[in-house]
Amino acid sequence: MIIHSSKVVGAYFVSGLFILFPGIILYGLTVGFRVSEKTIERQTALQERVTADHKGLSHQIPLLNTTQFIPWNTIETVVYRNHHSDDKAQFSFYLTQPADQIKSKQPRWIAKVLLPLITKSKTVIIDEDCISFREIPKMLEKFFVPINSVNMNEVQGKGTLISSNTIIKNNTIRVEEYWKPNPDFESEKVIYDRYNRTFDQLKQSKNS
């Protein structure tokens, strides 16, 4: 009897979960989940940021309690990447020597694992969710002439608009657009190179 009753309770428990979880998801989609101010502050505090001065570029990584400092004279190449299959665009800095690591606090356990890897690397990658990410070209313009311009709003799938259809239903407006992909879209572009090399020349130099 005990085994049988536990099976019944387990069945009710599982059935309850099947009802509860869809209900929670439906509530979140219709009403929305509230995010507390503390959660927002915590997320902001962990967000990476980039700043610049006359000495170089500073890439702050709160998760690792460190700042990667890149002196201007160590930058050899800067490449902008925006692959449509990836979630994030990024700037890749290729240096003549590893960036200086300025530790702000006692490193966390994750920092102890990752810091040895980035400390020895001559490449610094800054993703688009980094604060002031879009200001990086302007930062470079102040110390490097010339640099190649980049359109961060450019999307590979939006080259030429073929057709557009506006649908009004239940007091909502929906616009359906059909685009011809941009054949000239560059998913990887050299923003700056000390020797004015093209992207193909850079690939050849790495392979040689």
N, C-alpha and C. Protein backbone atom coordinates (compact mmCIF):
# COMPACT_ATOMS: atom_id res chain seq x y z
N MET A 1 0.82 -1.20 0.00
CA MET A 1 0.00 0.00 0.00
C MET A 1 0.87 1.26 0.00
N ILE A 2 1.96 1.24 0.70
CA ILE A 2 2.83 2.40 0.77
C ILE A 2 3.43 2.70 -0.60
N ILE A 3 3.87 1.64 -1.27
CA ILE A 3 4.46 1.83 -2.60
C ILE A 3 3.41 2.37 -3.55
N HIS A 4 2.20 1.81 -3.48
CA HIS A 4 1.13 2.24 -4.37
C HIS A 4 0.76 3.71 -4.13
N SER A 5 0.67 4.12 -2.86
CA SER A 5 0.31 5.50 -2.55
C SER A 5 1.39 6.46 -3.01
N SER A 6 2.66 6.05 -2.91
CA SER A 6 3.75 6.93 -3.35
C SER A 6 3.71 7.12 -4.85
N LYS A 7 3.30 6.07 -5.57
CA LYS A 7 3.18 6.20 -7.00
C LYS A 7 2.08 7.19 -7.37
N VAL A 8 0.97 7.12 -6.60
CA VAL A 8 -0.13 8.04 -6.86
C VAL A 8 0.29 9.47 -6.58
N VAL A 9 0.95 9.68 -5.43
CA VAL A 9 1.44 11.02 -5.09
C VAL A 9 2.41 11.51 -6.14
N GLY A 10 3.31 10.59 -6.59
CA GLY A 10 4.26 10.98 -7.63
C GLY A 10 3.58 11.36 -8.91
N ALA A 11 2.52 10.63 -9.25
CA ALA A 11 1.79 10.95 -10.48
C ALA A 11 1.14 12.32 -10.38
N TYR A 12 0.53 12.62 -9.18
CA TYR A 12 -0.07 13.93 -8.99
C TYR A 12 1.00 15.04 -9.06
N PHE A 13 2.15 14.73 -8.50
CA PHE A 13 3.24 15.72 -8.47
C PHE A 13 3.70 16.05 -9.89
N VAL A 14 3.91 15.01 -10.69
CA VAL A 14 4.34 15.21 -12.08
C VAL A 14 3.27 15.94 -12.87
N SER A 15 2.02 15.57 -12.67
CA SER A 15 0.92 16.24 -13.37
C SER A 15 0.86 17.72 -12.99
N GLY A 16 1.10 17.98 -11.72
CA GLY A 16 1.10 19.37 -11.27
C GLY A 16 2.19 20.18 -11.93
N LEU A 17 3.37 19.57 -12.11
CA LEU A 17 4.47 20.27 -12.77
C LEU A 17 4.12 20.59 -14.21
N PHE A 18 3.48 19.64 -14.89
CA PHE A 18 3.10 19.85 -16.28
C PHE A 18 2.09 21.00 -16.42
N ILE A 19 1.29 21.21 -15.38
CA ILE A 19 0.32 22.31 -15.39
C ILE A 19 0.98 23.61 -14.96
N LEU A 20 1.86 23.52 -13.95
CA LEU A 20 2.46 24.72 -13.35
C LEU A 20 3.41 25.42 -14.31
N PHE A 21 4.34 24.67 -14.92
CA PHE A 21 5.36 25.29 -15.77
C PHE A 21 4.79 26.00 -16.98
N PRO A 22 3.87 25.37 -17.74
CA PRO A 22 3.26 26.12 -18.85
C PRO A 22 2.52 27.37 -18.38
N GLY A 23 1.91 27.27 -17.18
CA GLY A 23 1.20 28.43 -16.64
C GLY A 23 2.16 29.57 -16.35
N ILE A 24 3.33 29.25 -15.79
CA ILE A 24 4.34 30.27 -15.50
C ILE A 24 4.83 30.91 -16.79
N ILE A 25 5.11 30.06 -17.79
CA ILE A 25 5.59 30.58 -19.08
C ILE A 25 4.55 31.47 -19.73
N LEU A 26 3.29 31.04 -19.71
CA LEU A 26 2.21 31.83 -20.29
C LEU A 26 2.05 33.16 -19.57
N TYR A 27 2.18 33.14 -18.25
CA TYR A 27 2.10 34.38 -17.48
C TYR A 27 3.21 35.34 -17.86
N GLY A 28 4.42 34.78 -18.02
CA GLY A 28 5.55 35.61 -18.38
C GLY A 28 5.41 36.24 -19.75
N LEU A 29 4.80 35.49 -20.69
CA LEU A 29 4.63 36.01 -22.05
C LEU A 29 3.55 37.07 -22.12
N THR A 30 2.52 36.92 -21.33
CA THR A 30 1.39 37.85 -21.39
C THR A 30 1.58 39.06 -20.46
N VAL A 31 1.98 38.82 -19.25
CA VAL A 31 2.13 39.89 -18.26
C VAL A 31 3.56 40.38 -18.17
N GLY A 32 4.50 39.43 -18.25
CA GLY A 32 5.91 39.78 -18.15
C GLY A 32 6.45 39.55 -16.75
N PHE A 33 7.71 39.18 -16.70
CA PHE A 33 8.37 38.98 -15.41
C PHE A 33 9.03 40.28 -14.97
N ARG A 34 8.93 40.57 -13.71
CA ARG A 34 9.57 41.76 -13.18
C ARG A 34 11.00 41.45 -12.77
N VAL A 35 11.88 42.34 -13.17
CA VAL A 35 13.28 42.20 -12.79
C VAL A 35 13.58 43.24 -11.72
N SER A 36 14.07 42.80 -10.59
CA SER A 36 14.31 43.72 -9.49
C SER A 36 15.47 44.66 -9.82
N GLU A 37 15.48 45.82 -9.11
CA GLU A 37 16.54 46.79 -9.32
C GLU A 37 17.90 46.22 -8.92
N LYS A 38 17.90 45.39 -7.88
CA LYS A 38 19.16 44.78 -7.45
C LYS A 38 19.72 43.87 -8.53
N THR A 39 18.83 43.14 -9.21
CA THR A 39 19.28 42.26 -10.29
C THR A 39 19.86 43.07 -11.43
N ILE A 40 19.20 44.18 -11.78
CA ILE A 40 19.69 45.05 -12.84
C ILE A 40 21.03 45.64 -12.46
N GLU A 41 21.16 46.10 -11.23
CA GLU A 41 22.42 46.68 -10.77
C GLU A 41 23.54 45.65 -10.79
N ARG A 42 23.20 44.40 -10.40
CA ARG A 42 24.20 43.35 -10.39
C ARG A 42 24.66 43.03 -11.82
N GLN A 43 23.71 42.99 -12.76
CA GLN A 43 24.06 42.72 -14.14
C GLN A 43 24.91 43.85 -14.73
N THR A 44 24.56 45.09 -14.40
CA THR A 44 25.31 46.24 -14.89
C THR A 44 26.73 46.24 -14.32
N ALA A 45 26.84 45.86 -13.05
CA ALA A 45 28.16 45.83 -12.41
C ALA A 45 29.08 44.81 -13.04
N LEU A 46 28.50 43.74 -13.59
CA LEU A 46 29.30 42.69 -14.22
C LEU A 46 29.53 42.94 -15.71
N GLN A 47 28.92 44.00 -16.25
CA GLN A 47 29.06 44.27 -17.67
C GLN A 47 30.45 44.85 -17.97
N GLU A 48 31.06 44.35 -19.04
CA GLU A 48 32.37 44.83 -19.44
C GLU A 48 32.24 46.24 -20.00
N ARG A 49 33.33 46.99 -19.93
CA ARG A 49 33.34 48.34 -20.49
C ARG A 49 34.73 48.66 -21.04
N VAL A 50 34.76 49.59 -21.99
CA VAL A 50 36.03 49.97 -22.60
C VAL A 50 36.15 51.49 -22.57
N THR A 51 37.33 51.97 -22.20
CA THR A 51 37.63 53.40 -22.16
C THR A 51 38.99 53.62 -22.80
N ALA A 52 39.30 54.88 -23.09
CA ALA A 52 40.59 55.19 -23.72
C ALA A 52 41.12 56.52 -23.20
N ASP A 53 42.43 56.64 -23.16
CA ASP A 53 43.09 57.91 -22.87
C ASP A 53 44.33 58.03 -23.76
N HIS A 54 45.19 58.99 -23.47
CA HIS A 54 46.35 59.22 -24.33
C HIS A 54 47.38 58.09 -24.25
N LYS A 55 47.25 57.23 -23.24
CA LYS A 55 48.20 56.13 -23.09
C LYS A 55 47.76 54.85 -23.81
N GLY A 56 46.46 54.60 -23.81
CA GLY A 56 46.00 53.37 -24.43
C GLY A 56 44.54 53.07 -24.16
N LEU A 57 44.16 51.84 -24.44
CA LEU A 57 42.79 51.37 -24.32
C LEU A 57 42.67 50.48 -23.08
N SER A 58 41.61 50.70 -22.29
CA SER A 58 41.38 49.90 -21.09
C SER A 58 40.11 49.08 -21.26
N HIS A 59 40.23 47.76 -21.14
CA HIS A 59 39.10 46.84 -21.27
C HIS A 59 38.84 46.23 -19.90
N GLN A 60 37.80 46.73 -19.23
CA GLN A 60 37.49 46.28 -17.87
C GLN A 60 36.63 45.02 -17.91
N ILE A 61 37.05 44.00 -17.17
CA ILE A 61 36.32 42.73 -17.10
C ILE A 61 35.97 42.45 -15.64
N PRO A 62 34.83 42.96 -15.15
CA PRO A 62 34.46 42.79 -13.73
C PRO A 62 34.38 41.34 -13.29
N LEU A 63 33.94 40.44 -14.18
CA LEU A 63 33.80 39.03 -13.81
C LEU A 63 35.14 38.45 -13.39
N LEU A 64 36.22 38.94 -13.99
CA LEU A 64 37.55 38.43 -13.66
C LEU A 64 38.31 39.37 -12.74
N ASN A 65 37.65 40.47 -12.33
CA ASN A 65 38.29 41.46 -11.45
C ASN A 65 39.61 41.94 -12.04
N THR A 66 39.61 42.20 -13.33
CA THR A 66 40.84 42.66 -13.96
C THR A 66 40.52 43.64 -15.08
N THR A 67 41.50 44.44 -15.44
CA THR A 67 41.41 45.36 -16.58
C THR A 67 42.56 45.07 -17.52
N GLN A 68 42.24 44.81 -18.78
CA GLN A 68 43.26 44.62 -19.79
C GLN A 68 43.64 45.99 -20.35
N PHE A 69 44.88 46.40 -20.11
CA PHE A 69 45.33 47.70 -20.62
C PHE A 69 46.17 47.47 -21.86
N ILE A 70 45.77 48.14 -22.97
CA ILE A 70 46.44 47.98 -24.26
C ILE A 70 47.11 49.30 -24.64
N PRO A 71 48.42 49.43 -24.49
CA PRO A 71 49.10 50.65 -24.95
C PRO A 71 48.92 50.81 -26.47
N TRP A 72 48.77 52.05 -26.91
CA TRP A 72 48.54 52.29 -28.34
C TRP A 72 49.65 51.72 -29.20
N ASN A 73 50.90 51.81 -28.73
CA ASN A 73 52.02 51.37 -29.58
C ASN A 73 52.15 49.86 -29.68
N THR A 74 51.29 49.10 -28.96
CA THR A 74 51.33 47.64 -29.07
C THR A 74 50.26 47.10 -30.03
N ILE A 75 49.40 47.99 -30.52
CA ILE A 75 48.33 47.54 -31.43
C ILE A 75 48.88 47.41 -32.84
N GLU A 76 48.79 46.24 -33.39
CA GLU A 76 49.26 45.98 -34.75
C GLU A 76 48.11 45.94 -35.74
N THR A 77 47.00 45.28 -35.33
CA THR A 77 45.85 45.12 -36.23
C THR A 77 44.56 45.12 -35.40
N VAL A 78 43.52 45.72 -35.97
CA VAL A 78 42.19 45.68 -35.36
C VAL A 78 41.21 45.20 -36.43
N VAL A 79 40.47 44.13 -36.12
CA VAL A 79 39.51 43.55 -37.07
C VAL A 79 38.12 43.58 -36.46
N TYR A 80 37.15 44.01 -37.26
CA TYR A 80 35.74 44.00 -36.84
C TYR A 80 35.06 42.80 -37.47
N ARG A 81 34.36 42.01 -36.66
CA ARG A 81 33.67 40.81 -37.15
C ARG A 81 32.19 40.88 -36.81
N ASN A 82 31.36 40.51 -37.79
CA ASN A 82 29.93 40.49 -37.57
C ASN A 82 29.33 39.37 -38.42
N HIS A 83 29.55 38.14 -37.99
CA HIS A 83 29.01 36.99 -38.71
C HIS A 83 27.53 36.84 -38.36
N HIS A 84 26.68 36.71 -39.37
CA HIS A 84 25.24 36.64 -39.13
C HIS A 84 24.85 35.40 -38.34
N SER A 85 25.71 34.38 -38.33
CA SER A 85 25.40 33.15 -37.59
C SER A 85 25.74 33.27 -36.11
N ASP A 86 26.49 34.31 -35.73
CA ASP A 86 26.87 34.51 -34.34
C ASP A 86 25.91 35.49 -33.67
N ASP A 87 25.90 35.45 -32.34
CA ASP A 87 25.02 36.33 -31.58
C ASP A 87 25.60 37.73 -31.42
N LYS A 88 26.93 37.84 -31.46
CA LYS A 88 27.56 39.11 -31.12
C LYS A 88 28.59 39.52 -32.16
N ALA A 89 28.61 40.84 -32.44
CA ALA A 89 29.71 41.41 -33.21
C ALA A 89 30.87 41.62 -32.24
N GLN A 90 32.07 41.81 -32.78
CA GLN A 90 33.22 41.97 -31.90
C GLN A 90 34.37 42.67 -32.61
N PHE A 91 35.22 43.29 -31.80
CA PHE A 91 36.48 43.84 -32.27
C PHE A 91 37.60 42.93 -31.75
N SER A 92 38.49 42.55 -32.64
CA SER A 92 39.65 41.74 -32.24
C SER A 92 40.90 42.59 -32.38
N PHE A 93 41.63 42.73 -31.28
CA PHE A 93 42.88 43.50 -31.27
C PHE A 93 44.05 42.53 -31.28
N TYR A 94 44.90 42.64 -32.29
CA TYR A 94 46.10 41.81 -32.39
C TYR A 94 47.30 42.68 -32.00
N LEU A 95 48.00 42.23 -30.97
CA LEU A 95 49.04 43.05 -30.34
C LEU A 95 50.43 42.49 -30.58
N THR A 96 51.42 43.34 -30.39
CA THR A 96 52.81 42.90 -30.49
C THR A 96 53.27 42.23 -29.20
N GLN A 97 52.52 42.45 -28.12
CA GLN A 97 52.81 41.81 -26.83
C GLN A 97 51.51 41.70 -26.05
N PRO A 98 51.43 40.78 -25.10
CA PRO A 98 50.18 40.63 -24.33
C PRO A 98 49.80 41.91 -23.61
N ALA A 99 48.50 42.12 -23.47
CA ALA A 99 48.00 43.30 -22.75
C ALA A 99 48.37 43.21 -21.28
N ASP A 100 48.55 44.37 -20.65
CA ASP A 100 48.84 44.40 -19.22
C ASP A 100 47.56 44.07 -18.45
N GLN A 101 47.69 43.24 -17.43
CA GLN A 101 46.55 42.85 -16.60
C GLN A 101 46.62 43.61 -15.28
N ILE A 102 45.62 44.45 -15.03
CA ILE A 102 45.57 45.23 -13.80
C ILE A 102 44.46 44.65 -12.93
N LYS A 103 44.83 43.97 -11.88
CA LYS A 103 43.85 43.33 -11.01
C LYS A 103 43.32 44.33 -9.99
N SER A 104 41.98 44.35 -9.85
CA SER A 104 41.34 45.28 -8.93
C SER A 104 41.07 44.68 -7.57
N LYS A 105 40.80 43.37 -7.53
CA LYS A 105 40.48 42.69 -6.28
C LYS A 105 41.09 41.30 -6.30
N GLN A 106 40.87 40.59 -5.19
CA GLN A 106 41.28 39.20 -5.14
C GLN A 106 40.51 38.42 -6.20
N PRO A 107 41.18 37.74 -7.11
CA PRO A 107 40.48 37.05 -8.20
C PRO A 107 39.57 35.94 -7.72
N ARG A 108 38.41 35.80 -8.40
CA ARG A 108 37.50 34.70 -8.12
C ARG A 108 38.07 33.41 -8.69
N TRP A 109 37.38 32.31 -8.41
CA TRP A 109 37.87 31.02 -8.89
C TRP A 109 37.88 30.97 -10.41
N ILE A 110 36.87 31.62 -11.03
CA ILE A 110 36.83 31.59 -12.49
C ILE A 110 37.99 32.39 -13.07
N ALA A 111 38.38 33.44 -12.35
CA ALA A 111 39.51 34.24 -12.81
C ALA A 111 40.82 33.44 -12.74
N LYS A 112 40.94 32.62 -11.72
CA LYS A 112 42.14 31.82 -11.58
C LYS A 112 42.29 30.83 -12.72
N VAL A 113 41.15 30.44 -13.30
CA VAL A 113 41.17 29.50 -14.43
C VAL A 113 41.43 30.22 -15.75
N LEU A 114 40.76 31.37 -15.95
CA LEU A 114 40.82 32.05 -17.24
C LEU A 114 41.98 33.04 -17.38
N LEU A 115 42.38 33.68 -16.28
CA LEU A 115 43.42 34.69 -16.36
C LEU A 115 44.74 34.18 -16.96
N PRO A 116 45.20 32.99 -16.58
CA PRO A 116 46.45 32.50 -17.20
C PRO A 116 46.36 32.39 -18.72
N LEU A 117 45.16 32.17 -19.24
CA LEU A 117 44.99 32.03 -20.69
C LEU A 117 45.09 33.39 -21.38
N ILE A 118 44.38 34.41 -20.84
CA ILE A 118 44.38 35.71 -21.49
C ILE A 118 45.66 36.50 -21.18
N THR A 119 46.33 36.17 -20.10
CA THR A 119 47.56 36.88 -19.74
C THR A 119 48.64 36.66 -20.78
N LYS A 120 48.70 35.46 -21.34
CA LYS A 120 49.74 35.12 -22.31
C LYS A 120 49.33 35.42 -23.75
N SER A 121 48.06 35.73 -23.97
CA SER A 121 47.57 35.92 -25.32
C SER A 121 47.89 37.31 -25.85
N LYS A 122 48.21 37.39 -27.14
CA LYS A 122 48.46 38.67 -27.81
C LYS A 122 47.22 39.15 -28.55
N THR A 123 46.08 38.54 -28.23
CA THR A 123 44.81 38.93 -28.86
C THR A 123 43.81 39.30 -27.77
N VAL A 124 43.16 40.43 -27.95
CA VAL A 124 42.10 40.88 -27.03
C VAL A 124 40.83 41.02 -27.84
N ILE A 125 39.76 40.34 -27.39
CA ILE A 125 38.48 40.37 -28.09
C ILE A 125 37.46 41.11 -27.23
N ILE A 126 36.81 42.10 -27.82
CA ILE A 126 35.80 42.89 -27.12
C ILE A 126 34.47 42.69 -27.83
N ASP A 127 33.47 42.14 -27.11
CA ASP A 127 32.16 41.86 -27.69
C ASP A 127 31.27 43.08 -27.64
N GLU A 128 30.19 43.05 -28.46
CA GLU A 128 29.33 44.22 -28.62
C GLU A 128 28.48 44.54 -27.39
N ASP A 129 28.35 43.60 -26.43
CA ASP A 129 27.60 43.93 -25.22
C ASP A 129 28.45 44.70 -24.21
N CYS A 130 29.67 45.01 -24.60
CA CYS A 130 30.57 45.81 -23.77
C CYS A 130 30.14 47.28 -23.86
N ILE A 131 30.11 47.96 -22.72
CA ILE A 131 29.75 49.38 -22.69
C ILE A 131 30.76 50.17 -23.51
N SER A 132 30.26 51.11 -24.33
CA SER A 132 31.06 51.95 -25.22
C SER A 132 31.67 51.18 -26.39
N PHE A 133 31.11 50.00 -26.69
CA PHE A 133 31.60 49.20 -27.81
C PHE A 133 31.56 50.00 -29.12
N ARG A 134 30.46 50.72 -29.34
CA ARG A 134 30.29 51.48 -30.58
C ARG A 134 31.20 52.70 -30.66
N GLU A 135 31.82 53.06 -29.55
CA GLU A 135 32.72 54.21 -29.54
C GLU A 135 34.15 53.83 -29.89
N ILE A 136 34.43 52.54 -30.04
CA ILE A 136 35.80 52.10 -30.30
C ILE A 136 36.40 52.72 -31.56
N PRO A 137 35.67 52.76 -32.71
CA PRO A 137 36.26 53.41 -33.89
C PRO A 137 36.67 54.86 -33.63
N LYS A 138 35.86 55.61 -32.87
CA LYS A 138 36.21 56.99 -32.56
C LYS A 138 37.45 57.06 -31.67
N MET A 139 37.57 56.09 -30.76
CA MET A 139 38.77 56.04 -29.91
C MET A 139 40.02 55.82 -30.76
N LEU A 140 39.90 54.93 -31.75
CA LEU A 140 41.03 54.63 -32.61
C LEU A 140 41.39 55.81 -33.50
N GLU A 141 40.38 56.54 -33.97
CA GLU A 141 40.61 57.67 -34.87
C GLU A 141 41.51 58.74 -34.25
N LYS A 142 41.47 58.86 -32.93
CA LYS A 142 42.25 59.90 -32.26
C LYS A 142 43.75 59.59 -32.27
N PHE A 143 44.09 58.30 -32.46
CA PHE A 143 45.51 57.93 -32.34
C PHE A 143 46.06 57.23 -33.58
N PHE A 144 45.18 56.83 -34.49
CA PHE A 144 45.63 56.16 -35.71
C PHE A 144 45.01 56.83 -36.94
N VAL A 145 45.86 57.14 -37.91
CA VAL A 145 45.40 57.72 -39.16
C VAL A 145 46.09 57.00 -40.30
N PRO A 146 45.32 56.45 -41.27
CA PRO A 146 43.86 56.43 -41.25
C PRO A 146 43.35 55.12 -40.66
N ILE A 147 42.04 55.08 -40.39
CA ILE A 147 41.39 53.82 -40.06
C ILE A 147 40.25 53.63 -41.05
N ASN A 148 39.88 52.39 -41.28
CA ASN A 148 38.79 52.09 -42.21
C ASN A 148 37.45 52.22 -41.49
N SER A 149 36.52 52.88 -42.12
CA SER A 149 35.21 53.07 -41.51
C SER A 149 34.44 51.75 -41.47
N VAL A 150 33.50 51.67 -40.54
CA VAL A 150 32.68 50.46 -40.41
C VAL A 150 31.26 50.86 -40.07
N ASN A 151 30.29 50.23 -40.72
CA ASN A 151 28.88 50.46 -40.45
C ASN A 151 28.37 49.35 -39.54
N MET A 152 28.21 49.65 -38.25
CA MET A 152 27.80 48.63 -37.30
C MET A 152 26.32 48.28 -37.40
N ASN A 153 25.57 49.09 -38.13
CA ASN A 153 24.15 48.81 -38.30
C ASN A 153 23.87 47.96 -39.54
N GLU A 154 24.91 47.68 -40.30
CA GLU A 154 24.74 46.91 -41.53
C GLU A 154 24.41 45.45 -41.21
N VAL A 155 23.42 44.91 -41.91
CA VAL A 155 22.99 43.53 -41.73
C VAL A 155 23.09 42.81 -43.06
N GLN A 156 23.67 41.62 -43.03
CA GLN A 156 23.88 40.88 -44.26
C GLN A 156 22.57 40.58 -44.99
N GLY A 157 21.52 40.27 -44.26
CA GLY A 157 20.26 39.88 -44.87
C GLY A 157 19.46 41.04 -45.42
N LYS A 158 19.90 42.28 -45.15
CA LYS A 158 19.16 43.45 -45.63
C LYS A 158 20.00 44.21 -46.64
N GLY A 159 19.89 43.79 -47.89
CA GLY A 159 20.60 44.48 -48.96
C GLY A 159 19.66 45.35 -49.75
N THR A 160 18.72 44.73 -50.45
CA THR A 160 17.73 45.46 -51.25
C THR A 160 16.33 45.01 -50.84
N LEU A 161 15.47 45.98 -50.52
CA LEU A 161 14.10 45.66 -50.12
C LEU A 161 13.29 45.25 -51.35
N ILE A 162 12.78 44.03 -51.35
CA ILE A 162 12.02 43.52 -52.49
C ILE A 162 10.56 43.91 -52.37
N SER A 163 9.98 43.68 -51.20
CA SER A 163 8.58 44.03 -51.00
C SER A 163 8.31 44.25 -49.52
N SER A 164 7.23 45.00 -49.25
CA SER A 164 6.83 45.28 -47.88
C SER A 164 5.32 45.21 -47.78
N ASN A 165 4.84 44.55 -46.73
CA ASN A 165 3.39 44.37 -46.55
C ASN A 165 3.01 44.72 -45.12
N THR A 166 2.08 45.67 -44.97
CA THR A 166 1.62 46.08 -43.64
C THR A 166 0.28 45.43 -43.33
N ILE A 167 0.23 44.72 -42.21
CA ILE A 167 -0.98 44.00 -41.81
C ILE A 167 -1.51 44.61 -40.51
N ILE A 168 -2.78 45.03 -40.53
CA ILE A 168 -3.43 45.60 -39.34
C ILE A 168 -4.49 44.61 -38.87
N LYS A 169 -4.32 44.10 -37.64
CA LYS A 169 -5.24 43.11 -37.11
C LYS A 169 -5.32 43.25 -35.59
N ASN A 170 -6.56 43.33 -35.09
CA ASN A 170 -6.79 43.43 -33.64
C ASN A 170 -5.99 44.57 -33.01
N ASN A 171 -6.06 45.74 -33.66
CA ASN A 171 -5.39 46.95 -33.16
C ASN A 171 -3.87 46.82 -33.10
N THR A 172 -3.31 45.89 -33.83
CA THR A 172 -1.86 45.74 -33.91
C THR A 172 -1.42 45.89 -35.36
N ILE A 173 -0.25 46.45 -35.54
CA ILE A 173 0.31 46.66 -36.87
C ILE A 173 1.55 45.79 -37.03
N ARG A 174 1.57 44.99 -38.06
CA ARG A 174 2.71 44.13 -38.34
C ARG A 174 3.20 44.40 -39.76
N VAL A 175 4.50 44.60 -39.88
CA VAL A 175 5.10 44.88 -41.18
C VAL A 175 5.97 43.69 -41.59
N GLU A 176 5.66 43.12 -42.74
CA GLU A 176 6.45 42.01 -43.27
C GLU A 176 7.30 42.53 -44.42
N GLU A 177 8.60 42.36 -44.29
CA GLU A 177 9.53 42.83 -45.32
C GLU A 177 10.33 41.67 -45.88
N TYR A 178 10.55 41.72 -47.17
CA TYR A 178 11.35 40.70 -47.84
C TYR A 178 12.55 41.38 -48.49
N TRP A 179 13.75 40.93 -48.06
CA TRP A 179 14.98 41.58 -48.49
C TRP A 179 15.84 40.64 -49.32
N LYS A 180 16.55 41.22 -50.26
CA LYS A 180 17.58 40.50 -50.99
C LYS A 180 18.89 40.70 -50.25
N PRO A 181 19.60 39.62 -49.90
CA PRO A 181 20.85 39.76 -49.14
C PRO A 181 21.85 40.67 -49.84
N ASN A 182 22.63 41.35 -49.02
CA ASN A 182 23.64 42.27 -49.54
C ASN A 182 24.87 41.49 -49.99
N PRO A 183 25.16 41.45 -51.30
CA PRO A 183 26.30 40.65 -51.78
C PRO A 183 27.66 41.27 -51.40
N ASP A 184 27.65 42.55 -51.05
CA ASP A 184 28.91 43.24 -50.72
C ASP A 184 29.16 43.28 -49.21
N PHE A 185 28.32 42.59 -48.45
CA PHE A 185 28.48 42.60 -46.99
C PHE A 185 29.80 41.94 -46.59
N GLU A 186 30.54 42.62 -45.73
CA GLU A 186 31.82 42.10 -45.24
C GLU A 186 31.65 41.66 -43.79
N SER A 187 31.70 40.37 -43.54
CA SER A 187 31.54 39.87 -42.18
C SER A 187 32.80 40.08 -41.35
N GLU A 188 33.93 40.27 -42.04
CA GLU A 188 35.20 40.55 -41.36
C GLU A 188 35.89 41.71 -42.09
N LYS A 189 36.25 42.72 -41.34
CA LYS A 189 36.84 43.90 -41.96
C LYS A 189 38.00 44.43 -41.13
N VAL A 190 39.09 44.75 -41.80
CA VAL A 190 40.25 45.32 -41.12
C VAL A 190 39.99 46.80 -40.86
N ILE A 191 39.91 47.17 -39.59
CA ILE A 191 39.68 48.57 -39.23
C ILE A 191 41.00 49.33 -39.22
N TYR A 192 42.04 48.66 -38.72
CA TYR A 192 43.36 49.28 -38.70
C TYR A 192 44.42 48.20 -38.81
N ASP A 193 45.46 48.49 -39.58
CA ASP A 193 46.62 47.60 -39.63
C ASP A 193 47.87 48.46 -39.77
N ARG A 194 48.85 48.18 -38.97
CA ARG A 194 50.07 48.99 -38.94
C ARG A 194 50.76 49.02 -40.30
N TYR A 195 50.62 47.94 -41.06
CA TYR A 195 51.30 47.84 -42.35
C TYR A 195 50.33 47.97 -43.54
N ASN A 196 49.11 48.44 -43.25
CA ASN A 196 48.10 48.65 -44.29
C ASN A 196 47.80 47.39 -45.09
N ARG A 197 47.77 46.25 -44.42
CA ARG A 197 47.48 45.00 -45.10
C ARG A 197 45.97 44.78 -45.21
N THR A 198 45.57 44.09 -46.26
CA THR A 198 44.17 43.73 -46.43
C THR A 198 43.89 42.48 -45.59
N PHE A 199 42.60 42.11 -45.53
CA PHE A 199 42.24 40.93 -44.74
C PHE A 199 42.85 39.67 -45.34
N ASP A 200 42.86 39.58 -46.67
CA ASP A 200 43.46 38.41 -47.33
C ASP A 200 44.95 38.33 -47.06
N GLN A 201 45.62 39.46 -47.06
CA GLN A 201 47.06 39.47 -46.76
C GLN A 201 47.33 39.07 -45.32
N LEU A 202 46.46 39.46 -44.43
CA LEU A 202 46.61 39.07 -43.02
C LEU A 202 46.46 37.56 -42.86
N LYS A 203 45.49 36.98 -43.56
CA LYS A 203 45.30 35.53 -43.49
C LYS A 203 46.51 34.80 -44.06
N GLN A 204 47.06 35.31 -45.13
CA GLN A 204 48.24 34.69 -45.73
C GLN A 204 49.43 34.75 -44.79
N SER A 205 49.59 35.90 -44.09
CA SER A 205 50.72 36.04 -43.18
C SER A 205 50.60 35.11 -41.98
N LYS A 206 49.36 34.85 -41.55
CA LYS A 206 49.14 33.92 -40.42
C LYS A 206 49.39 32.48 -40.84
N ASN A 207 49.05 32.16 -42.08
CA ASN A 207 49.23 30.79 -42.56
C ASN A 207 50.66 30.47 -42.95
N SER A 208 51.44 31.53 -43.22
CA SER A 208 52.82 31.30 -43.66
C SER A 208 53.74 31.01 -42.48
